[in-house]
C-alpha atoms as a PDB file:
ATOM      1  CA  MET A   1     -12.450 -32.244  53.260  1.00  0.00           C
ATOM      2  CA  LYS A   2     -10.519 -29.185  52.273  1.00  0.00           C
ATOM      3  CA  LEU A   3      -7.449 -28.600  54.271  1.00  0.00           C
ATOM      4  CA  THR A   4      -7.800 -25.119  56.529  1.00  0.00           C
ATOM      5  CA  PHE A   5      -4.716 -22.901  56.680  1.00  0.00           C
ATOM      6  CA  ASP A   6      -3.846 -20.464  59.275  1.00  0.00           C
ATOM      7  CA  ASP A   7      -2.963 -17.598  56.837  1.00  0.00           C
ATOM      8  CA  ILE A   8      -2.693 -17.161  53.110  1.00  0.00           C
ATOM      9  CA  GLY A   9      -0.729 -14.548  51.521  1.00  0.00           C
ATOM     10  CA  THR A  10      -2.408 -12.463  48.312  1.00  0.00           C
ATOM     11  CA  PHE A  11      -2.257 -15.055  44.852  1.00  0.00           C
ATOM     12  CA  ASN A  12       0.019 -13.529  42.269  1.00  0.00           C
ATOM     13  CA  ASN A  13      -0.969 -13.151  38.346  1.00  0.00           C
ATOM     14  CA  PHE A  14       0.050 -17.176  38.426  1.00  0.00           C
ATOM     15  CA  ASN A  15      -2.983 -17.811  40.927  1.00  0.00           C
ATOM     16  CA  HIS A  16      -0.362 -18.738  43.590  1.00  0.00           C
ATOM     17  CA  ALA A  17      -0.071 -17.761  47.102  1.00  0.00           C
ATOM     18  CA  ARG A  18       2.158 -18.425  49.980  1.00  0.00           C
ATOM     19  CA  ALA A  19       0.455 -20.039  52.865  1.00  0.00           C
ATOM     20  CA  ARG A  20       0.906 -21.078  56.640  1.00  0.00           C
ATOM     21  CA  LEU A  21       0.411 -24.016  58.169  1.00  0.00           C
ATOM     22  CA  GLY A  22       1.419 -23.931  61.812  1.00  0.00           C
ATOM     23  CA  ASP A  23       5.084 -22.807  62.047  1.00  0.00           C
ATOM     24  CA  LYS A  24       5.760 -23.826  58.025  1.00  0.00           C
ATOM     25  CA  MET A  25       4.794 -22.043  54.836  1.00  0.00           C
ATOM     26  CA  GLY A  26       4.327 -23.588  51.592  1.00  0.00           C
ATOM     27  CA  ILE A  27       2.749 -22.233  48.163  1.00  0.00           C
ATOM     28  CA  ILE A  28      -0.655 -23.184  47.336  1.00  0.00           C
ATOM     29  CA  ASP A  29      -2.989 -22.330  43.686  1.00  0.00           C
ATOM     30  CA  PHE A  30      -6.206 -20.940  43.912  1.00  0.00           C
ATOM     31  CA  ASN A  31      -8.176 -24.148  44.536  1.00  0.00           C
ATOM     32  CA  GLY A  32      -5.714 -24.619  47.999  1.00  0.00           C
ATOM     33  CA  ASN A  33      -3.769 -27.305  46.001  1.00  0.00           C
ATOM     34  CA  PHE A  34      -0.040 -27.858  47.501  1.00  0.00           C
ATOM     35  CA  VAL A  35       1.825 -26.784  44.540  1.00  0.00           C
ATOM     36  CA  VAL A  36       5.120 -26.389  46.951  1.00  0.00           C
ATOM     37  CA  PRO A  37       5.316 -28.614  50.243  1.00  0.00           C
ATOM     38  CA  PHE A  38       5.206 -26.873  53.528  1.00  0.00           C
ATOM     39  CA  GLU A  39       8.716 -27.061  54.143  1.00  0.00           C
ATOM     40  CA  TYR A  40       9.790 -23.535  55.094  1.00  0.00           C
ATOM     41  CA  ASP A  41       9.930 -21.377  58.148  1.00  0.00           C
ATOM     42  CA  ALA A  42       7.013 -19.084  58.685  1.00  0.00           C
ATOM     43  CA  GLU A  43       8.469 -16.169  60.589  1.00  0.00           C
ATOM     44  CA  GLU A  44       8.026 -12.557  60.794  1.00  0.00           C
ATOM     45  CA  ASP A  45      10.961 -10.803  58.658  1.00  0.00           C
ATOM     46  CA  CYS A  46       9.141 -13.400  55.630  1.00  0.00           C
ATOM     47  CA  PRO A  47       5.643 -12.015  55.412  1.00  0.00           C
ATOM     48  CA  ILE A  48       3.028 -14.040  54.274  1.00  0.00           C
ATOM     49  CA  PHE A  49       2.129 -11.306  51.913  1.00  0.00           C
ATOM     50  CA  ASP A  50       5.449 -10.636  49.664  1.00  0.00           C
ATOM     51  CA  VAL A  51       5.133 -12.357  46.301  1.00  0.00           C
ATOM     52  CA  PHE A  52       6.639 -11.323  42.968  1.00  0.00           C
ATOM     53  CA  SER A  53       3.999 -11.560  40.439  1.00  0.00           C
ATOM     54  CA  GLU A  54       6.253 -11.160  37.219  1.00  0.00           C
ATOM     55  CA  THR A  55       8.462 -13.783  37.830  1.00  0.00           C
ATOM     56  CA  ASP A  56       6.051 -16.417  40.019  1.00  0.00           C
ATOM     57  CA  THR A  57       9.104 -16.373  42.837  1.00  0.00           C
ATOM     58  CA  PHE A  58       8.511 -16.298  46.405  1.00  0.00           C
ATOM     59  CA  LEU A  59      10.590 -15.236  49.397  1.00  0.00           C
ATOM     60  CA  MET A  60      11.042 -18.293  51.776  1.00  0.00           C
ATOM     61  CA  ARG A  61      13.050 -19.299  54.791  1.00  0.00           C
ATOM     62  CA  LYS A  62      14.699 -22.320  55.719  1.00  0.00           C
ATOM     63  CA  ASN A  63      17.105 -22.907  58.611  1.00  0.00           C
ATOM     64  CA  GLY A  64      17.498 -19.417  59.550  1.00  0.00           C
ATOM     65  CA  TYR A  65      18.168 -18.295  56.182  1.00  0.00           C
ATOM     66  CA  LEU A  66      16.231 -16.666  53.422  1.00  0.00           C
ATOM     67  CA  GLY A  67      16.111 -17.696  49.754  1.00  0.00           C
ATOM     68  CA  ILE A  68      13.985 -17.349  46.909  1.00  0.00           C
ATOM     69  CA  ILE A  69      12.157 -20.446  44.903  1.00  0.00           C
ATOM     70  CA  ASN A  70       9.945 -20.638  42.055  1.00  0.00           C
ATOM     71  CA  THR A  71       6.587 -22.934  41.968  1.00  0.00           C
ATOM     72  CA  LYS A  72       8.851 -26.097  41.428  1.00  0.00           C
ATOM     73  CA  ASN A  73      10.227 -26.074  44.194  1.00  0.00           C
ATOM     74  CA  GLU A  74      13.790 -24.625  42.276  1.00  0.00           C
ATOM     75  CA  ILE A  75      16.039 -22.586  43.876  1.00  0.00           C
ATOM     76  CA  PHE A  76      16.564 -19.242  42.337  1.00  0.00           C
ATOM     77  CA  ILE A  77      18.332 -17.617  44.614  1.00  0.00           C
ATOM     78  CA  PRO A  78      20.116 -19.954  47.515  1.00  0.00           C
ATOM     79  CA  PHE A  79      18.920 -19.529  51.366  1.00  0.00           C
ATOM     80  CA  GLU A  80      22.149 -18.320  52.592  1.00  0.00           C
ATOM     81  CA  TYR A  81      21.132 -14.435  53.189  1.00  0.00           C
ATOM     82  CA  ASP A  82      20.041 -12.914  56.627  1.00  0.00           C
ATOM     83  CA  GLY A  83      18.044 -10.154  54.213  1.00  0.00           C
ATOM     84  CA  ILE A  84      16.880  -9.638  50.639  1.00  0.00           C
ATOM     85  CA  ASN A  85      15.310  -6.113  49.734  1.00  0.00           C
ATOM     86  CA  SER A  86      13.011  -8.187  47.236  1.00  0.00           C
ATOM     87  CA  PHE A  87      11.363  -5.387  46.356  1.00  0.00           C
ATOM     88  CA  GLN A  88      10.919  -6.731  42.574  1.00  0.00           C
ATOM     89  CA  MET A  89      12.303  -9.345  41.253  1.00  0.00           C
ATOM     90  CA  ILE A  90      11.788  -7.727  37.843  1.00  0.00           C
ATOM     91  CA  LEU A  91      15.075  -6.306  38.690  1.00  0.00           C
ATOM     92  CA  ASP A  92      18.424  -7.835  37.477  1.00  0.00           C
ATOM     93  CA  TYR A  93      20.154  -6.938  40.668  1.00  0.00           C
ATOM     94  CA  ILE A  94      18.864  -7.743  44.351  1.00  0.00           C
ATOM     95  CA  PRO A  95      20.121  -6.133  47.377  1.00  0.00           C
ATOM     96  CA  VAL A  96      20.870  -8.793  49.878  1.00  0.00           C
ATOM     97  CA  CYS A  97      22.674  -9.064  53.511  1.00  0.00           C
ATOM     98  CA  LYS A  98      24.962 -11.588  54.493  1.00  0.00           C
ATOM     99  CA  ASP A  99      26.739 -11.800  58.079  1.00  0.00           C
ATOM    100  CA  LYS A 100      25.244  -8.117  59.105  1.00  0.00           C
ATOM    101  CA  LYS A 101      26.386  -6.675  55.693  1.00  0.00           C
ATOM    102  CA  TRP A 102      24.481  -5.626  52.519  1.00  0.00           C
ATOM    103  CA  GLY A 103      25.748  -6.172  48.857  1.00  0.00           C
ATOM    104  CA  ILE A 104      24.114  -6.782  45.426  1.00  0.00           C
ATOM    105  CA  ILE A 105      24.133 -10.127  43.664  1.00  0.00           C
ATOM    106  CA  ASP A 106      22.800 -10.919  40.355  1.00  0.00           C
ATOM    107  CA  LYS A 107      19.871 -13.372  39.229  1.00  0.00           C
ATOM    108  CA  ASN A 108      22.478 -15.924  39.036  1.00  0.00           C
ATOM    109  CA  ASN A 109      23.505 -15.432  42.728  1.00  0.00           C
ATOM    110  CA  ASN A 110      27.097 -13.838  41.398  1.00  0.00           C
ATOM    111  CA  VAL A 111      28.096 -10.927  43.607  1.00  0.00           C
ATOM    112  CA  ILE A 112      28.251  -7.462  41.749  1.00  0.00           C
ATOM    113  CA  VAL A 113      28.634  -5.084  44.436  1.00  0.00           C
ATOM    114  CA  ASP A 114      30.740  -6.008  47.611  1.00  0.00           C
ATOM    115  CA  PHE A 115      29.321  -7.037  51.258  1.00  0.00           C
ATOM    116  CA  VAL A 116      30.693  -3.785  53.004  1.00  0.00           C
ATOM    117  CA  TYR A 117      27.115  -1.570  53.278  1.00  0.00           C
ATOM    118  CA  ASP A 118      25.339  -1.174  56.427  1.00  0.00           C
ATOM    119  CA  GLU A 119      22.042  -1.244  54.247  1.00  0.00           C
ATOM    120  CA  ILE A 120      20.829  -0.737  50.557  1.00  0.00           C
ATOM    121  CA  ASP A 121      17.502   0.346  49.095  1.00  0.00           C
ATOM    122  CA  VAL A 122      16.203   0.316  45.927  1.00  0.00           C
ATOM    123  CA  ASP A 123      14.112   3.568  44.443  1.00  0.00           C
ATOM    124  CA  TRP A 124      12.775   4.346  40.901  1.00  0.00           C
ATOM    125  CA  LYS A 125      13.314   7.645  39.633  1.00  0.00           C
ATOM    126  CA  ASP A 126       9.874   8.273  39.481  1.00  0.00           C
ATOM    127  CA  ASN A 127       7.225   6.948  41.536  1.00  0.00           C
ATOM    128  CA  ASN A 128       4.546   5.846  38.598  1.00  0.00           C
ATOM    129  CA  LEU A 129       3.828   2.412  39.477  1.00  0.00           C
ATOM    130  CA  ASN A 130       2.255   1.365  36.219  1.00  0.00           C
ATOM    131  CA  SER A 131       5.732   2.206  34.693  1.00  0.00           C
ATOM    132  CA  ARG A 132       8.485   0.522  36.447  1.00  0.00           C
ATOM    133  CA  GLU A 133      11.370   0.220  34.234  1.00  0.00           C
ATOM    134  CA  LYS A 134      14.614  -1.242  35.094  1.00  0.00           C
ATOM    135  CA  THR A 135      16.673   1.615  33.266  1.00  0.00           C
ATOM    136  CA  LYS A 136      14.838   3.895  36.240  1.00  0.00           C
ATOM    137  CA  VAL A 137      15.536   1.841  39.232  1.00  0.00           C
ATOM    138  CA  TYR A 138      18.384   3.154  41.314  1.00  0.00           C
ATOM    139  CA  TYR A 139      20.238   1.964  44.796  1.00  0.00           C
ATOM    140  CA  ILE A 140      20.856   3.694  47.882  1.00  0.00           C
ATOM    141  CA  ALA A 141      23.498   2.337  49.310  1.00  0.00           C
ATOM    142  CA  ARG A 142      25.149   3.867  53.178  1.00  0.00           C
ATOM    143  CA  ILE A 143      28.434   2.982  54.726  1.00  0.00           C
ATOM    144  CA  ASN A 144      29.116   4.869  57.958  1.00  0.00           C
ATOM    145  CA  GLY A 145      25.664   6.802  57.233  1.00  0.00           C
ATOM    146  CA  LYS A 146      27.030   8.048  54.224  1.00  0.00           C
ATOM    147  CA  PRO A 147      25.363   7.663  51.043  1.00  0.00           C
ATOM    148  CA  GLN A 148      26.386   6.063  47.425  1.00  0.00           C
ATOM    149  CA  ILE A 149      24.429   5.697  44.815  1.00  0.00           C
ATOM    150  CA  PHE A 150      24.217   3.107  42.009  1.00  0.00           C
ATOM    151  CA  ASN A 151      22.487   3.106  38.885  1.00  0.00           C
ATOM    152  CA  HIS A 152      20.077   0.085  37.255  1.00  0.00           C
ATOM    153  CA  LEU A 153      23.467  -1.694  36.064  1.00  0.00           C
ATOM    154  CA  ALA A 154      24.757  -1.790  40.121  1.00  0.00           C
ATOM    155  CA  LYS A 155      27.380   0.781  38.623  1.00  0.00           C
ATOM    156  CA  ARG A 156      28.355   3.671  41.350  1.00  0.00           C
ATOM    157  CA  VAL A 157      27.501   6.466  39.950  1.00  0.00           C
ATOM    158  CA  ILE A 158      27.700   8.631  43.335  1.00  0.00           C
END
């Protein structure tokens, strides 16, 4: 008998999706087989549909903190963040929130921009969804309501 899930997210390019069973989340394949055990917290700020098709990684919550795992259940970004602006994992730098302040880390969890900002958003210089090149990305950081702009290398330009 096949297991019935409470919710299933969008399948990515690797035929994996997040699924929810009660108050836990895991990752399944297109046939409903468990790829990652259901040991992650199912909460509203960690939506079921948030997947990264290019990297086969998933935003998850564990013990109250957000992190990113792959389908081998290896931790890609550790579970130590209050927020992750995970817009696209194709980026080299990821805005994250810790202790109510935002900063930018690289994919190895090294801090690139200090945690001093009230918010950090990601945007592209053009809105063509088919040509989202890393060099066209920029970060808009706000501190005390005032914007600062960082380029695709997470270097402040304005």
